[in-house]
Amino acid sequence: MKRLHVTTVVTTSLGFLAALLAASADARAAYLIFVAAFAYVIEALMMRKADEFSVRLGSLGAFVAFGVAPSMIVLNVLLAVHPALLVLPLLYLLAAAISITRYDLSRRLTGLPAAVNGFVIPALLIADFFTATIVAGWLILSSALMALELGLRSRKGRSEYVVKEPAEEKKDAPDGFVPLSQW
């Protein structure tokens, strides 16, 4: 049997409970996502030597806590303004799925991590900056930052792609960049 990390269970459970509270427009959902974000940071540190099962389960927990739950929180606010705004939480949810899946496959950050929203969306609610305009703007911005490949720096402080001199350019790399693995 595979080993199940306590932090994975905590992150997933808090995300699920936050989604339930958000469905009933309970602001305590924001606090649960905040706590889930801290649990996820601990989980990420522990997962460096985890087996594949634990890593995949951790990603599913991250999707629940930082994809589903934040989408549910903002859903009520945006639906009160106009039903067509339902597309924004859906866009955010899909971008979170793309971000988490892309990281799972490549093990490198290419865009804004979904867990960052574990801090931002609840902070907007707690700080009372949770207006439909601010939420809609953040959802559009964060969805784009999660879904696009930006070449962000990893925790080790180095980017996966570095600028190369034109003379060293390879045909299979993006213009002016080469993966560090090809050095």
Protein backbone atom coordinates (compact mmCIF):
# COMPACT_ATOMS: atom_id res chain seq x y z
CA MET A 1 0.00 0.00 0.00
CA LYS A 2 1.25 3.46 -0.84
CA ARG A 3 2.06 5.93 1.88
CA LEU A 4 -0.47 8.70 2.40
CA HIS A 5 0.89 12.00 3.70
CA VAL A 6 -1.09 13.73 6.43
CA THR A 7 -0.59 17.10 4.74
CA THR A 8 -2.19 15.76 1.54
CA VAL A 9 -5.24 14.66 3.52
CA VAL A 10 -5.36 18.04 5.30
CA THR A 11 -5.04 20.06 2.07
CA THR A 12 -7.70 18.02 0.27
CA SER A 13 -10.08 18.00 3.24
CA LEU A 14 -9.78 21.74 3.82
CA GLY A 15 -10.34 22.40 0.13
CA PHE A 16 -13.46 20.25 0.13
CA LEU A 17 -14.83 21.88 3.28
CA ALA A 18 -14.06 25.32 1.84
CA ALA A 19 -16.00 24.44 -1.32
CA LEU A 20 -18.95 23.29 0.80
CA LEU A 21 -18.93 26.51 2.82
CA ALA A 22 -18.53 28.59 -0.33
CA ALA A 23 -21.57 26.91 -1.86
CA SER A 24 -23.62 28.37 0.98
CA ALA A 25 -21.88 31.78 0.72
CA ASP A 26 -20.08 31.30 4.04
CA ALA A 27 -17.02 33.58 4.25
CA ARG A 28 -15.23 31.09 6.52
CA ALA A 29 -14.35 29.24 3.33
CA ALA A 30 -11.61 31.82 2.76
CA TYR A 31 -9.95 30.95 6.05
CA LEU A 32 -9.99 27.25 5.22
CA ILE A 33 -8.28 27.90 1.89
CA PHE A 34 -5.68 30.00 3.70
CA VAL A 35 -4.93 27.11 6.07
CA ALA A 36 -4.91 24.68 3.12
CA ALA A 37 -2.33 26.88 1.40
CA PHE A 38 -0.02 26.68 4.40
CA ALA A 39 -0.54 22.90 4.61
CA TYR A 40 0.29 22.68 0.91
CA VAL A 41 3.58 24.52 1.41
CA ILE A 42 4.54 21.93 4.03
CA GLU A 43 3.30 19.17 1.72
CA ALA A 44 5.41 20.48 -1.17
CA LEU A 45 8.52 20.35 1.01
CA MET A 46 7.74 16.79 2.06
CA MET A 47 6.94 15.59 -1.47
CA ARG A 48 10.49 16.04 -2.73
CA LYS A 49 11.17 12.38 -1.91
CA ALA A 50 7.63 11.02 -2.28
CA ASP A 51 6.50 8.18 -4.50
CA GLU A 52 4.44 8.75 -7.64
CA PHE A 53 1.15 7.87 -5.91
CA SER A 54 1.65 10.52 -3.23
CA VAL A 55 2.62 13.14 -5.79
CA ARG A 56 -0.49 12.49 -7.91
CA LEU A 57 -2.76 12.49 -4.87
CA GLY A 58 -1.18 15.74 -3.72
CA SER A 59 -1.93 17.28 -7.10
CA LEU A 60 -5.56 16.22 -6.87
CA GLY A 61 -5.74 17.79 -3.41
CA ALA A 62 -4.21 20.99 -4.76
CA PHE A 63 -6.84 21.09 -7.50
CA VAL A 64 -9.64 20.77 -4.94
CA ALA A 65 -8.15 23.35 -2.56
CA PHE A 66 -6.87 25.90 -5.09
CA GLY A 67 -9.07 25.25 -8.11
CA VAL A 68 -12.51 24.12 -7.00
CA ALA A 69 -12.81 25.94 -3.66
CA PRO A 70 -11.71 29.42 -4.89
CA SER A 71 -13.99 29.03 -7.92
CA MET A 72 -16.91 28.31 -5.62
CA ILE A 73 -16.11 31.34 -3.46
CA VAL A 74 -16.12 33.77 -6.36
CA LEU A 75 -19.07 32.13 -8.08
CA ASN A 76 -21.63 33.61 -5.69
CA VAL A 77 -20.19 37.11 -5.95
CA LEU A 78 -20.12 37.12 -9.74
CA LEU A 79 -23.50 35.45 -10.24
CA ALA A 80 -25.09 38.19 -8.15
CA VAL A 81 -23.84 40.73 -10.70
CA HIS A 82 -24.68 38.89 -13.93
CA PRO A 83 -25.19 35.20 -14.82
CA ALA A 84 -22.83 35.50 -17.81
CA LEU A 85 -19.95 36.01 -15.36
CA LEU A 86 -20.18 32.29 -14.57
CA VAL A 87 -17.60 31.87 -17.32
CA LEU A 88 -14.86 33.49 -15.17
CA PRO A 89 -14.83 30.94 -12.32
CA LEU A 90 -14.97 28.21 -14.97
CA LEU A 91 -12.02 29.80 -16.80
CA TYR A 92 -10.10 29.96 -13.52
CA LEU A 93 -10.92 26.32 -12.74
CA LEU A 94 -9.67 25.17 -16.14
CA ALA A 95 -6.51 27.28 -15.83
CA ALA A 96 -5.79 25.75 -12.40
CA ALA A 97 -6.20 22.27 -13.90
CA ILE A 98 -3.82 23.16 -16.73
CA SER A 99 -1.26 24.63 -14.33
CA ILE A 100 -1.29 21.65 -11.97
CA THR A 101 -1.22 19.10 -14.79
CA ARG A 102 1.60 20.89 -16.61
CA TYR A 103 3.67 20.94 -13.41
CA ASP A 104 2.92 17.25 -12.80
CA LEU A 105 4.17 16.30 -16.24
CA SER A 106 7.28 18.49 -16.38
CA ARG A 107 8.16 19.05 -12.70
CA ARG A 108 8.92 22.69 -13.42
CA LEU A 109 6.96 25.88 -12.97
CA THR A 110 5.93 27.45 -16.23
CA GLY A 111 3.27 29.85 -14.99
CA LEU A 112 1.66 31.11 -11.81
CA PRO A 113 1.20 28.15 -9.43
CA ALA A 114 -2.44 27.47 -8.57
CA ALA A 115 -1.53 27.47 -4.87
CA VAL A 116 -0.69 31.18 -5.04
CA ASN A 117 -4.42 31.80 -5.35
CA GLY A 118 -4.77 29.92 -2.09
CA PHE A 119 -3.43 33.11 -0.58
CA VAL A 120 -4.77 35.79 -2.94
CA ILE A 121 -8.49 35.02 -3.31
CA PRO A 122 -9.09 34.49 0.43
CA ALA A 123 -6.97 37.57 1.21
CA LEU A 124 -9.22 39.67 -1.04
CA LEU A 125 -12.27 38.40 0.83
CA ILE A 126 -10.78 38.80 4.30
CA ALA A 127 -9.40 42.29 3.54
CA ASP A 128 -12.84 43.32 2.25
CA PHE A 129 -11.57 44.02 -1.27
CA PHE A 130 -13.95 41.42 -2.62
CA THR A 131 -15.92 43.39 -5.18
CA ALA A 132 -17.12 41.88 -8.44
CA THR A 133 -14.79 44.14 -10.44
CA ILE A 134 -11.67 43.21 -8.45
CA VAL A 135 -12.59 39.52 -8.40
CA ALA A 136 -13.30 39.44 -12.15
CA GLY A 137 -10.02 41.23 -12.88
CA TRP A 138 -8.04 38.88 -10.67
CA LEU A 139 -9.67 35.80 -12.19
CA ILE A 140 -8.82 36.93 -15.71
CA LEU A 141 -5.24 37.86 -14.78
CA SER A 142 -4.51 34.79 -12.66
CA SER A 143 -6.12 32.44 -15.21
CA ALA A 144 -3.87 33.82 -17.93
CA LEU A 145 -0.80 33.62 -15.68
CA MET A 146 -1.58 30.01 -14.72
CA ALA A 147 -2.36 28.79 -18.25
CA LEU A 148 0.43 30.52 -20.17
CA GLU A 149 3.98 29.21 -20.20
CA LEU A 150 6.00 32.04 -18.69
CA GLY A 151 9.29 30.37 -17.72
CA LEU A 152 9.11 31.41 -14.05
CA ARG A 153 11.97 30.74 -11.71
CA SER A 154 11.91 27.59 -9.63
CA ARG A 155 12.43 27.46 -5.88
CA LYS A 156 16.09 26.78 -6.57
CA GLY A 157 16.38 30.31 -7.93
CA ARG A 158 17.17 29.48 -11.53
CA SER A 159 14.94 29.56 -14.54
CA GLU A 160 14.37 26.42 -16.57
CA TYR A 161 15.22 28.42 -19.68
CA VAL A 162 18.13 30.79 -19.99
CA VAL A 163 19.07 33.27 -22.70
CA LYS A 164 21.73 31.97 -25.05
CA GLU A 165 24.09 33.68 -27.39
CA PRO A 166 22.85 33.61 -31.02
CA ALA A 167 25.84 31.51 -32.16
CA GLU A 168 24.83 28.66 -29.82
CA GLU A 169 21.17 28.58 -30.83
CA LYS A 170 19.61 25.14 -31.42
CA LYS A 171 16.75 24.50 -33.82
CA ASP A 172 14.49 22.60 -31.36
CA ALA A 173 14.56 25.30 -28.66
CA PRO A 174 12.35 28.39 -28.55
CA ASP A 175 13.95 31.47 -30.12
CA GLY A 176 16.95 32.52 -28.05
CA PHE A 177 16.38 29.95 -25.27
CA VAL A 178 17.65 26.51 -24.50
CA PRO A 179 16.58 24.16 -21.70
CA LEU A 180 19.19 23.74 -18.97
CA SER A 181 19.10 19.98 -19.58
CA GLN A 182 20.76 20.57 -22.98
CA TRP A 183 23.77 22.41 -21.51
